[in-house]
Amino acid sequence: MDFNCDERETTVPVACEWCGAKIRDDGQEDASGVCLQCFYQILSNHLSAQKQSVYGEFVSDR
């Protein structure tokens, strides 16, 4: 079987947008993502910011 250069699938390494660690190889050049460690850090930061603002609005300062 004879393959042309156009038929070969190329893989592009996908790096975490926050820390730069390699996540996986993907066939799309515009693939993006974050690693699990950064994802959980972002989630933790988001949830802690939500809790602080909610408690500050509804709890009395007495």
C-alpha atoms as a PDB file:
ATOM      1  CA  MET A   1       0.000   0.000   0.000  1.00  0.00           C
ATOM      2  CA  ASP A   2       1.389   3.377  -0.996  1.00  0.00           C
ATOM      3  CA  PHE A   3       0.791   6.389   1.286  1.00  0.00           C
ATOM      4  CA  ASN A   4       1.054  10.019   0.277  1.00  0.00           C
ATOM      5  CA  CYS A   5       2.290  12.662   2.680  1.00  0.00           C
ATOM      6  CA  ASP A   6      -1.198  14.186   2.760  1.00  0.00           C
ATOM      7  CA  GLU A   7      -2.772  10.980   4.091  1.00  0.00           C
ATOM      8  CA  ARG A   8      -0.496  10.624   7.116  1.00  0.00           C
ATOM      9  CA  GLU A   9      -1.902  11.729  10.425  1.00  0.00           C
ATOM     10  CA  THR A  10       0.361  14.026  12.366  1.00  0.00           C
ATOM     11  CA  THR A  11       0.049  14.448  16.095  1.00  0.00           C
ATOM     12  CA  VAL A  12       0.635  17.710  17.873  1.00  0.00           C
ATOM     13  CA  PRO A  13       1.526  17.757  21.576  1.00  0.00           C
ATOM     14  CA  VAL A  14      -1.070  19.578  23.686  1.00  0.00           C
ATOM     15  CA  ALA A  15       0.386  21.528  26.609  1.00  0.00           C
ATOM     16  CA  CYS A  16      -1.383  22.908  29.667  1.00  0.00           C
ATOM     17  CA  GLU A  17      -2.227  26.578  29.178  1.00  0.00           C
ATOM     18  CA  TRP A  18      -1.371  27.386  32.810  1.00  0.00           C
ATOM     19  CA  CYS A  19       1.812  25.464  33.614  1.00  0.00           C
ATOM     20  CA  GLY A  20       3.031  24.205  30.217  1.00  0.00           C
ATOM     21  CA  ALA A  21       3.052  20.482  31.104  1.00  0.00           C
ATOM     22  CA  LYS A  22       2.348  18.058  28.257  1.00  0.00           C
ATOM     23  CA  ILE A  23      -1.194  16.678  28.497  1.00  0.00           C
ATOM     24  CA  ARG A  24      -1.585  14.476  25.406  1.00  0.00           C
ATOM     25  CA  ASP A  25      -0.968  14.213  21.672  1.00  0.00           C
ATOM     26  CA  ASP A  26      -3.812  15.364  19.451  1.00  0.00           C
ATOM     27  CA  GLY A  27      -4.447  15.491  15.711  1.00  0.00           C
ATOM     28  CA  GLN A  28      -5.705  19.075  15.772  1.00  0.00           C
ATOM     29  CA  GLU A  29      -3.275  21.949  15.846  1.00  0.00           C
ATOM     30  CA  ASP A  30      -5.634  24.248  17.755  1.00  0.00           C
ATOM     31  CA  ALA A  31      -6.333  21.813  20.613  1.00  0.00           C
ATOM     32  CA  SER A  32      -6.007  23.345  24.058  1.00  0.00           C
ATOM     33  CA  GLY A  33      -6.582  22.381  27.653  1.00  0.00           C
ATOM     34  CA  VAL A  34      -5.351  22.400  31.225  1.00  0.00           C
ATOM     35  CA  CYS A  35      -3.873  19.569  33.269  1.00  0.00           C
ATOM     36  CA  LEU A  36      -5.827  18.115  36.190  1.00  0.00           C
ATOM     37  CA  GLN A  37      -3.626  19.761  38.804  1.00  0.00           C
ATOM     38  CA  CYS A  38      -4.223  23.229  37.341  1.00  0.00           C
ATOM     39  CA  PHE A  39      -7.918  22.483  36.794  1.00  0.00           C
ATOM     40  CA  TYR A  40      -8.433  21.631  40.472  1.00  0.00           C
ATOM     41  CA  GLN A  41      -6.442  24.699  41.555  1.00  0.00           C
ATOM     42  CA  ILE A  42      -8.594  26.958  39.355  1.00  0.00           C
ATOM     43  CA  LEU A  43     -11.753  25.279  40.665  1.00  0.00           C
ATOM     44  CA  SER A  44     -10.611  25.660  44.266  1.00  0.00           C
ATOM     45  CA  ASN A  45      -9.827  29.353  43.760  1.00  0.00           C
ATOM     46  CA  HIS A  46     -13.200  29.918  42.126  1.00  0.00           C
ATOM     47  CA  LEU A  47     -15.170  28.127  44.849  1.00  0.00           C
ATOM     48  CA  SER A  48     -13.318  29.824  47.712  1.00  0.00           C
ATOM     49  CA  ALA A  49     -13.994  33.237  46.128  1.00  0.00           C
ATOM     50  CA  GLN A  50     -17.696  32.364  45.856  1.00  0.00           C
ATOM     51  CA  LYS A  51     -17.919  31.282  49.502  1.00  0.00           C
ATOM     52  CA  GLN A  52     -16.252  34.479  50.742  1.00  0.00           C
ATOM     53  CA  SER A  53     -18.569  36.772  48.797  1.00  0.00           C
ATOM     54  CA  VAL A  54     -21.734  34.871  49.771  1.00  0.00           C
ATOM     55  CA  TYR A  55     -20.891  34.802  53.480  1.00  0.00           C
ATOM     56  CA  GLY A  56     -19.893  38.458  53.463  1.00  0.00           C
ATOM     57  CA  GLU A  57     -23.263  39.534  52.028  1.00  0.00           C
ATOM     58  CA  PHE A  58     -25.650  37.511  54.196  1.00  0.00           C
ATOM     59  CA  VAL A  59     -23.985  37.119  57.614  1.00  0.00           C
ATOM     60  CA  SER A  60     -24.243  39.975  60.081  1.00  0.00           C
ATOM     61  CA  ASP A  61     -21.039  41.495  61.445  1.00  0.00           C
ATOM     62  CA  ARG A  62     -22.148  41.337  65.073  1.00  0.00           C
END
